[in-house]
Amino acid sequence: MPDLSALQTRIGVVFKNSNLLLQALTHKSYANENPKFSLGNNERLEFLGDTVLSLIIGQTLFLRNPNLSEGDLSKMRAHVVNGSCLAEVAKKVGLGSFLLLGAGEAKSAGHEKPSILADALEAVIAAIYLDQGFHAAEQFVLMAYDHLLNPLSFGALTDYKTQLQEFCQEGGLSLPAYQQVSAYGPDHQKRYEIEVKIGDVSYGTGIGTSKKEAQQQSAKTALDRLKQ
C-alpha cells in the first residue's frame, strides 16, 4: 500500500476518510487483479474531479481576468485542464510513486504514463472535494496549478503545429507526422493520445479532449524537446 501520510503531507491535505484518497490512487488494472480490494478503482472519482477542476479553473480565470471575452477564457481553461497539463501537475506533486497499478501496468512504467497520471490527479481532486469540501479542493488546485495560471504562461496559446512545421522547414528536417496512439474514456469525456514523429523518431505524445487538441499538445512537446 502507498504511504498515504507522505502524500497527504505533500499535497497539504489531511483526510478524514483516507479510503477516499486510496481509491483515487487505484488504477483499474490493480482493482481487476485484486478482486478482494473492496474500494474499487478511481474512474468514478475521475469523472467528478473533471467537473470540480473545470469549475475551479473557470472561476479563477473569470475573476482574475475581468476584461477577457468568453472565447479567450474558454481557450485559457482548455489550455490548463487538458490531459498533458494534468499529467504535468501530477508529476509536480509526485503522484506517480503513490499509484496502485496492476502488474502489467507497473512493469510498463504505468506510473509515468500521462493518461494514468492525468486521470489520477482528477480523482485526487474529487477525493479532496468529497472529504474536505470545495474550498479545500480549490486551495489544492490553485497550489498545484500556480505555475500554469500565471498570466505569462498564456502567451504560449498559439498554433504549435504551425510552429513545429516552420521549425522543421527552417532546420531542414522532415515534416512532422501525427498518429493516434489511443482513445479512451466514455463518449461524453473522450480523450485522445496523439504521437508526433519527425522522420522515424518519436518526439513525444499529447493528450486532449479532441484529436486537434491532442495534436497541438504533442507538437508543443516536440518543440520543447527540439529547442533544448
Protein backbone atom coordinates (compact mmCIF):
# COMPACT_ATOMS: atom_id res chain seq x y z
CA MET A 1 0.00 0.00 0.00
CA PRO A 2 1.22 3.55 -0.71
CA ASP A 3 2.32 5.79 2.14
CA LEU A 4 -0.79 7.94 2.38
CA SER A 5 0.61 10.09 5.18
CA ALA A 6 3.56 11.11 3.00
CA LEU A 7 1.26 12.01 0.12
CA GLN A 8 -1.08 13.98 2.39
CA THR A 9 1.91 15.98 3.63
CA ARG A 10 2.95 16.63 0.04
CA ILE A 11 -0.45 17.85 -1.10
CA GLY A 12 -1.22 19.70 2.12
CA VAL A 13 -4.46 17.85 2.89
CA VAL A 14 -5.11 15.54 5.86
CA PHE A 15 -8.06 13.30 5.00
CA LYS A 16 -10.85 12.43 7.40
CA ASN A 17 -11.57 9.34 5.30
CA SER A 18 -8.25 8.10 3.93
CA ASN A 19 -10.05 5.41 1.91
CA LEU A 20 -11.17 8.14 -0.50
CA LEU A 21 -7.55 9.01 -1.21
CA LEU A 22 -6.63 5.34 -1.56
CA GLN A 23 -9.42 4.81 -4.07
CA ALA A 24 -8.28 7.88 -6.02
CA LEU A 25 -4.85 6.26 -6.38
CA THR A 26 -6.22 2.90 -7.54
CA HIS A 27 -5.98 2.22 -11.27
CA LYS A 28 -8.49 -0.20 -12.75
CA SER A 29 -5.71 -2.67 -13.56
CA TYR A 30 -4.99 -3.09 -9.83
CA ALA A 31 -8.66 -3.43 -8.91
CA ASN A 32 -9.16 -6.04 -11.64
CA GLU A 33 -6.20 -8.12 -10.42
CA ASN A 34 -7.23 -7.84 -6.76
CA PRO A 35 -10.93 -8.71 -6.53
CA LYS A 36 -10.81 -8.67 -2.70
CA PHE A 37 -9.83 -4.99 -2.81
CA SER A 38 -13.16 -3.51 -1.76
CA LEU A 39 -12.69 0.16 -2.63
CA GLY A 40 -12.84 -0.20 -6.39
CA ASN A 41 -10.92 1.87 -8.95
CA ASN A 42 -10.68 5.63 -9.43
CA GLU A 43 -12.83 6.04 -12.56
CA ARG A 44 -15.93 7.43 -10.81
CA LEU A 45 -13.79 9.85 -8.83
CA GLU A 46 -12.07 10.88 -12.05
CA PHE A 47 -15.46 11.79 -13.54
CA LEU A 48 -16.32 14.03 -10.58
CA GLY A 49 -12.82 15.51 -10.40
CA ASP A 50 -13.01 16.65 -14.01
CA THR A 51 -16.12 18.70 -13.15
CA VAL A 52 -14.67 20.15 -9.94
CA LEU A 53 -11.39 21.08 -11.65
CA SER A 54 -13.18 22.76 -14.54
CA LEU A 55 -15.26 24.83 -12.13
CA ILE A 56 -12.25 25.91 -10.06
CA ILE A 57 -10.17 26.86 -13.07
CA GLY A 58 -13.09 28.57 -14.80
CA GLN A 59 -13.97 30.60 -11.71
CA THR A 60 -10.33 31.57 -11.12
CA LEU A 61 -9.80 32.72 -14.70
CA PHE A 62 -13.11 34.61 -14.66
CA LEU A 63 -12.20 36.53 -11.50
CA ARG A 64 -8.58 37.20 -12.42
CA ASN A 65 -9.26 38.36 -15.98
CA PRO A 66 -12.29 40.71 -15.93
CA ASN A 67 -11.51 42.16 -19.36
CA LEU A 68 -11.26 38.91 -21.32
CA SER A 69 -14.02 37.61 -23.57
CA GLU A 70 -15.82 34.29 -23.15
CA GLY A 71 -13.84 32.90 -26.07
CA ASP A 72 -10.47 33.82 -24.58
CA LEU A 73 -11.47 32.45 -21.17
CA SER A 74 -12.57 29.19 -22.79
CA LYS A 75 -9.23 28.86 -24.59
CA MET A 76 -7.33 29.54 -21.38
CA ARG A 77 -9.34 26.98 -19.43
CA ALA A 78 -8.92 24.35 -22.13
CA HIS A 79 -5.19 25.04 -22.09
CA VAL A 80 -4.78 24.22 -18.40
CA VAL A 81 -7.25 21.34 -17.96
CA ASN A 82 -6.11 19.23 -20.92
CA GLY A 83 -4.53 15.83 -20.33
CA SER A 84 -0.97 17.00 -20.87
CA CYS A 85 -1.22 19.73 -18.21
CA LEU A 86 -2.97 17.33 -15.84
CA ALA A 87 -0.08 14.89 -16.23
CA GLU A 88 2.43 17.70 -15.73
CA VAL A 89 0.76 18.76 -12.49
CA ALA A 90 0.53 15.14 -11.30
CA LYS A 91 4.28 14.82 -11.82
CA LYS A 92 4.84 18.10 -9.99
CA VAL A 93 3.16 16.72 -6.85
CA GLY A 94 4.86 13.34 -7.27
CA LEU A 95 1.63 11.40 -7.66
CA GLY A 96 3.08 8.59 -9.77
CA SER A 97 5.00 6.89 -6.99
CA PHE A 98 1.83 6.51 -4.90
CA LEU A 99 -0.35 4.82 -7.53
CA LEU A 100 -1.73 1.28 -7.18
CA LEU A 101 -1.21 -0.42 -10.53
CA GLY A 102 -1.68 -3.93 -11.85
CA ALA A 103 1.40 -6.00 -12.56
CA GLY A 104 1.35 -5.30 -16.28
CA GLU A 105 0.97 -1.55 -15.90
CA ALA A 106 3.65 -1.44 -13.22
CA LYS A 107 6.13 -3.29 -15.47
CA SER A 108 5.42 -0.94 -18.37
CA ALA A 109 6.13 2.15 -16.22
CA GLY A 110 2.46 2.96 -15.82
CA HIS A 111 3.30 5.37 -13.01
CA GLU A 112 4.83 7.64 -15.67
CA LYS A 113 2.10 7.36 -18.32
CA PRO A 114 0.46 10.74 -18.95
CA SER A 115 -3.04 9.25 -19.29
CA ILE A 116 -2.83 7.38 -15.97
CA LEU A 117 -1.35 10.39 -14.17
CA ALA A 118 -3.98 12.75 -15.59
CA ASP A 119 -6.84 10.50 -14.51
CA ALA A 120 -5.36 10.00 -11.03
CA LEU A 121 -4.98 13.74 -10.47
CA GLU A 122 -8.64 14.33 -11.31
CA ALA A 123 -9.57 11.51 -8.93
CA VAL A 124 -7.49 13.04 -6.13
CA ILE A 125 -9.19 16.41 -6.67
CA ALA A 126 -12.58 14.67 -6.34
CA ALA A 127 -11.43 12.86 -3.21
CA ILE A 128 -10.39 16.15 -1.60
CA TYR A 129 -13.70 17.72 -2.59
CA LEU A 130 -15.76 14.86 -1.09
CA ASP A 131 -13.69 14.68 2.08
CA GLN A 132 -12.97 18.35 2.77
CA GLY A 133 -15.33 20.39 0.60
CA PHE A 134 -14.96 22.82 -2.27
CA HIS A 135 -12.65 25.29 -0.52
CA ALA A 136 -10.02 22.62 0.23
CA ALA A 137 -10.18 21.33 -3.33
CA GLU A 138 -9.79 24.89 -4.60
CA GLN A 139 -6.76 25.50 -2.38
CA PHE A 140 -5.07 22.35 -3.64
CA VAL A 141 -5.78 23.12 -7.30
CA LEU A 142 -4.52 26.69 -7.03
CA MET A 143 -1.35 25.48 -5.31
CA ALA A 144 -0.69 22.70 -7.81
CA TYR A 145 -1.61 24.83 -10.84
CA ASP A 146 0.10 28.02 -9.70
CA HIS A 147 2.75 27.95 -12.46
CA LEU A 148 0.13 27.35 -15.15
CA LEU A 149 -2.22 30.11 -14.01
CA ASN A 150 0.48 32.76 -14.25
CA PRO A 151 -0.65 35.22 -16.95
CA LEU A 152 2.70 34.85 -18.68
CA SER A 153 2.01 31.15 -19.30
CA PHE A 154 -0.85 32.04 -21.62
CA GLY A 155 1.46 33.79 -24.04
CA ALA A 156 2.01 30.32 -25.44
CA LEU A 157 -1.62 29.90 -26.54
CA THR A 158 -0.65 29.65 -30.19
CA ASP A 159 -0.67 27.21 -33.05
CA TYR A 160 2.07 24.77 -32.02
CA LYS A 161 1.56 22.62 -35.13
CA THR A 162 2.41 25.55 -37.37
CA GLN A 163 5.38 26.49 -35.19
CA LEU A 164 6.70 22.92 -35.33
CA GLN A 165 6.29 22.70 -39.10
CA GLU A 166 8.13 26.01 -39.58
CA PHE A 167 10.89 24.89 -37.20
CA CYS A 168 11.37 21.68 -39.19
CA GLN A 169 11.40 23.50 -42.53
CA GLU A 170 13.95 26.03 -41.30
CA GLY A 171 16.15 23.27 -39.88
CA GLY A 172 15.95 21.03 -42.95
CA LEU A 173 14.11 18.31 -41.04
CA SER A 174 11.32 16.04 -42.24
CA LEU A 175 7.85 17.44 -41.71
CA PRO A 176 6.10 16.20 -38.57
CA ALA A 177 3.61 13.34 -38.86
CA TYR A 178 0.84 12.72 -36.31
CA GLN A 179 -0.59 9.35 -35.39
CA GLN A 180 -3.29 8.41 -32.92
CA VAL A 181 -1.94 6.15 -30.18
CA SER A 182 -5.14 5.60 -28.23
CA ALA A 183 -8.61 6.91 -27.46
CA TYR A 184 -10.21 6.16 -24.12
CA GLY A 185 -12.95 7.21 -21.75
CA PRO A 186 -16.74 7.44 -22.12
CA ASP A 187 -18.22 9.24 -25.11
CA HIS A 188 -19.00 12.37 -23.07
CA GLN A 189 -15.43 12.53 -21.75
CA LYS A 190 -13.32 11.03 -24.55
CA ARG A 191 -9.58 11.64 -24.53
CA TYR A 192 -7.18 11.14 -27.42
CA GLU A 193 -3.45 10.47 -27.28
CA ILE A 194 -1.52 11.53 -30.38
CA GLU A 195 2.15 10.83 -31.14
CA VAL A 196 4.26 13.10 -33.33
CA LYS A 197 7.20 11.78 -35.37
CA ILE A 198 9.82 13.62 -37.35
CA GLY A 199 11.25 11.13 -39.75
CA ASP A 200 11.32 7.83 -37.86
CA VAL A 201 11.90 9.44 -34.47
CA SER A 202 9.11 9.95 -31.96
CA TYR A 203 9.22 13.33 -30.24
CA GLY A 204 6.50 12.64 -27.72
CA THR A 205 2.75 12.47 -27.30
CA GLY A 206 -0.06 14.80 -26.40
CA ILE A 207 -3.44 14.23 -24.78
CA GLY A 208 -6.61 16.17 -25.44
CA THR A 209 -10.38 16.02 -25.46
CA SER A 210 -10.22 16.21 -29.27
CA LYS A 211 -7.72 14.96 -31.83
CA LYS A 212 -6.90 18.57 -32.74
CA GLU A 213 -6.11 19.46 -29.13
CA ALA A 214 -4.00 16.32 -28.71
CA GLN A 215 -2.04 17.14 -31.88
CA GLN A 216 -1.36 20.66 -30.57
CA GLN A 217 -0.09 19.25 -27.28
CA SER A 218 2.15 16.70 -29.00
CA ALA A 219 3.55 19.48 -31.23
CA LYS A 220 4.31 21.54 -28.11
CA THR A 221 6.13 18.55 -26.57
CA ALA A 222 8.18 18.13 -29.75
CA LEU A 223 9.04 21.85 -29.88
CA ASP A 224 10.19 21.80 -26.27
CA ARG A 225 12.46 18.83 -26.98
CA LEU A 226 13.88 20.28 -30.17
CA LYS A 227 14.61 23.66 -28.59
CA GLN A 228 16.52 22.01 -25.76
